[in-house]
């Protein structure tokens, strides 16, 4: 679905389709956010939004009665709950529209920032110096999630591509092995 010119929800599938025709499906690795990110950043905020709305209405019914709450209380409680839903929407955009695609020759990094801004960067895989994994706490280890950090050589300080960090990557060891298999296949 394309809402704004920079908010195309089908962009990832277009990239993957085009690149799989060029390189073959087995030579493409996609890195996305894990389901744990969805649970922690999206689902929790939706639950808190619903709970705050119900608790606010319940408190108003107890204080001023059902009739006044139905007349005015719904509209008073709604703005506080909407904050949680807006945070959940922003995190859902991060979850569904921030990704990286690795091919034997390039890495495409897509970062959607809200509805109106998208950064698409391309990186030659010959400039990837190292790939590092960090699992910083027990919850990451429990869900087999971690940070995947890619160190790039030969980039300028102004392009902000010296180190690329992907947070909440599911099974980062497998992703690292897949990326290394693909980028070393044709380049060495």
Protein backbone atom coordinates (compact mmCIF):
# COMPACT_ATOMS: atom_id res chain seq x y z
CA UNK A 1 0.00 0.00 0.00
CA UNK A 2 1.38 3.40 -0.92
CA UNK A 3 -0.01 6.13 1.33
CA UNK A 4 2.60 8.84 0.73
CA UNK A 5 5.40 8.88 -1.82
CA UNK A 6 7.90 7.84 0.87
CA UNK A 7 5.64 5.35 2.66
CA UNK A 8 5.46 2.33 0.36
CA UNK A 9 4.67 -0.86 2.26
CA UNK A 10 5.35 -3.03 -0.81
CA UNK A 11 8.90 -1.78 -1.34
CA UNK A 12 10.55 -4.71 0.45
CA UNK A 13 8.72 -7.31 -1.64
CA UNK A 14 9.61 -5.39 -4.84
CA UNK A 15 13.30 -5.32 -3.86
CA UNK A 16 13.34 -9.00 -2.94
CA UNK A 17 11.55 -10.00 -6.16
CA UNK A 18 13.91 -7.97 -8.36
CA UNK A 19 17.04 -9.12 -6.55
CA UNK A 20 15.98 -12.78 -6.52
CA UNK A 21 15.58 -12.63 -10.30
CA UNK A 22 19.10 -11.21 -10.58
CA UNK A 23 20.99 -13.25 -7.97
CA UNK A 24 18.67 -16.16 -7.15
CA UNK A 25 16.68 -16.56 -3.95
CA UNK A 26 19.46 -18.57 -2.27
CA UNK A 27 21.87 -15.64 -2.66
CA UNK A 28 19.77 -13.08 -0.81
CA UNK A 29 19.66 -12.55 2.95
CA UNK A 30 17.05 -10.27 4.50
CA UNK A 31 17.46 -8.91 8.01
CA UNK A 32 14.31 -7.71 9.73
CA UNK A 33 13.23 -7.08 13.31
CA UNK A 34 12.30 -10.13 15.36
CA UNK A 35 8.88 -11.05 16.71
CA UNK A 36 10.20 -10.25 20.19
CA UNK A 37 10.52 -6.62 19.05
CA UNK A 38 6.87 -6.71 17.98
CA UNK A 39 5.84 -8.13 21.35
CA UNK A 40 7.98 -5.71 23.39
CA UNK A 41 7.44 -2.51 21.43
CA UNK A 42 4.06 -2.86 19.69
CA UNK A 43 1.80 -5.35 21.47
CA UNK A 44 2.66 -4.08 24.96
CA UNK A 45 1.78 -0.49 24.01
CA UNK A 46 -1.53 -1.60 22.53
CA UNK A 47 -2.36 -3.50 25.73
CA UNK A 48 -1.34 -0.52 27.89
CA UNK A 49 -3.44 1.79 25.71
CA UNK A 50 -6.51 -0.38 26.14
CA UNK A 51 -5.87 -0.81 29.86
CA UNK A 52 -5.43 2.93 30.42
CA UNK A 53 -8.67 3.61 28.58
CA UNK A 54 -10.64 1.02 30.56
CA UNK A 55 -9.13 2.05 33.91
CA UNK A 56 -9.74 5.74 33.18
CA UNK A 57 -13.37 5.07 32.31
CA UNK A 58 -13.80 2.85 35.36
CA UNK A 59 -12.38 5.55 37.61
CA UNK A 60 -14.66 8.17 36.09
CA UNK A 61 -17.72 5.96 36.50
CA UNK A 62 -16.84 5.53 40.18
CA UNK A 63 -16.30 9.28 40.67
CA UNK A 64 -19.04 10.97 38.62
CA UNK A 65 -21.43 8.21 37.63
CA UNK A 66 -22.21 6.40 34.41
CA UNK A 67 -24.24 9.14 32.74
CA UNK A 68 -21.56 11.84 33.04
CA UNK A 69 -18.87 9.36 31.99
CA UNK A 70 -20.79 8.38 28.87
CA UNK A 71 -21.33 12.04 28.01
CA UNK A 72 -17.87 13.46 28.67
CA UNK A 73 -15.59 10.86 30.19
CA UNK A 74 -15.02 8.89 27.01
CA UNK A 75 -13.54 11.97 25.35
CA UNK A 76 -11.45 12.86 28.38
CA UNK A 77 -9.92 9.37 28.68
CA UNK A 78 -9.31 8.96 24.96
CA UNK A 79 -6.33 11.35 24.52
CA UNK A 80 -4.31 9.57 27.21
CA UNK A 81 -4.89 6.22 25.53
CA UNK A 82 -4.11 7.54 22.06
CA UNK A 83 -0.55 8.27 23.17
CA UNK A 84 0.06 4.53 23.63
CA UNK A 85 -1.45 3.76 20.23
CA UNK A 86 0.73 6.38 18.52
CA UNK A 87 3.84 4.90 20.12
CA UNK A 88 2.69 1.44 18.99
CA UNK A 89 2.13 2.73 15.44
CA UNK A 90 5.61 4.26 15.30
CA UNK A 91 7.18 1.04 16.58
CA UNK A 92 5.14 -1.00 14.08
CA UNK A 93 6.58 1.11 11.26
CA UNK A 94 10.07 0.27 12.60
CA UNK A 95 9.12 -3.40 12.86
CA UNK A 96 7.71 -3.78 9.38
CA UNK A 97 9.61 -1.27 7.26
CA UNK A 98 13.22 -1.22 8.53
CA UNK A 99 15.29 -3.97 6.94
CA UNK A 100 18.48 -4.82 5.10
CA UNK A 101 18.94 -7.00 2.06
CA UNK A 102 22.34 -8.55 1.34
CA UNK A 103 23.35 -9.84 -2.09
CA UNK A 104 26.76 -11.03 -3.35
CA UNK A 105 27.57 -7.49 -4.52
CA UNK A 106 25.68 -4.99 -2.37
CA UNK A 107 23.80 -4.41 0.84
CA UNK A 108 20.64 -2.33 0.69
CA UNK A 109 19.66 -0.68 3.96
CA UNK A 110 16.13 0.72 4.25
CA UNK A 111 15.03 2.77 7.24
CA UNK A 112 11.53 4.28 7.37
CA UNK A 113 11.25 7.18 9.80
CA UNK A 114 7.58 7.95 10.35
CA UNK A 115 5.28 8.49 7.40
CA UNK A 116 7.28 11.13 5.56
CA UNK A 117 10.96 10.13 5.58
CA UNK A 118 12.78 7.09 4.27
CA UNK A 119 16.53 6.49 4.01
CA UNK A 120 17.72 3.96 1.45
CA UNK A 121 21.45 3.36 1.42
CA UNK A 122 23.49 1.02 -0.68
CA UNK A 123 26.82 -0.42 0.38
CA UNK A 124 29.33 -2.40 -1.66
CA UNK A 125 29.94 -5.65 0.25
CA UNK A 126 33.67 -5.45 -0.52
CA UNK A 127 33.84 -2.67 2.09
CA UNK A 128 32.41 -4.79 4.91
CA UNK A 129 35.25 -5.26 7.36
CA UNK A 130 33.63 -7.37 10.07
CA UNK A 131 30.30 -8.61 11.38
CA UNK A 132 29.83 -8.75 15.15
CA UNK A 133 27.05 -10.16 17.32
CA UNK A 134 26.08 -8.90 20.76
CA UNK A 135 23.59 -10.54 23.10
CA UNK A 136 23.51 -8.17 26.03
CA UNK A 137 20.97 -9.60 28.44
CA UNK A 138 19.05 -12.70 29.43
CA UNK A 139 15.89 -11.74 27.57
CA UNK A 140 17.79 -11.48 24.28
CA UNK A 141 19.31 -14.89 24.98
CA UNK A 142 15.94 -16.37 25.93
CA UNK A 143 14.35 -15.31 22.63
CA UNK A 144 17.60 -15.91 20.68
CA UNK A 145 17.75 -12.26 19.64
CA UNK A 146 20.69 -9.92 19.51
CA UNK A 147 22.43 -7.04 17.85
CA UNK A 148 24.16 -7.55 14.53
CA UNK A 149 26.84 -4.93 13.94
CA UNK A 150 28.50 -4.50 10.56
CA UNK A 151 31.74 -2.52 10.46
CA UNK A 152 32.37 -0.81 7.14
CA UNK A 153 35.73 0.42 5.95
CA UNK A 154 36.39 3.26 3.57
CA UNK A 155 33.30 5.32 4.31
CA UNK A 156 33.31 9.02 4.99
CA UNK A 157 32.26 10.38 8.38
CA UNK A 158 29.54 12.42 6.70
CA UNK A 159 27.67 9.43 5.25
CA UNK A 160 27.21 7.79 8.68
CA UNK A 161 27.96 4.32 7.32
CA UNK A 162 31.04 3.42 9.41
CA UNK A 163 29.10 1.03 11.61
CA UNK A 164 25.65 -0.31 10.87
CA UNK A 165 23.77 -1.79 13.83
CA UNK A 166 20.64 -3.92 13.54
CA UNK A 167 18.82 -4.37 16.82
CA UNK A 168 16.44 -7.23 17.65
CA UNK A 169 17.72 -9.67 15.03
CA UNK A 170 16.36 -13.19 15.52
CA UNK A 171 19.08 -15.85 15.47
CA UNK A 172 21.91 -13.42 14.72
CA UNK A 173 24.53 -16.19 14.48
CA UNK A 174 22.62 -17.78 11.58
CA UNK A 175 22.18 -14.40 9.87
CA UNK A 176 25.89 -13.66 10.27
CA UNK A 177 26.82 -17.02 8.73
CA UNK A 178 24.40 -16.48 5.83
CA UNK A 179 25.73 -12.98 5.16
CA UNK A 180 29.34 -14.19 5.26
CA UNK A 181 28.51 -17.08 2.91
CA UNK A 182 26.90 -14.74 0.40
CA UNK A 183 29.42 -11.89 0.47
CA UNK A 184 32.48 -14.15 0.31
CA UNK A 185 31.08 -16.37 -2.46
CA UNK A 186 31.83 -14.07 -5.41
CA UNK A 187 34.24 -11.62 -3.82
CA UNK A 188 37.20 -13.82 -2.88
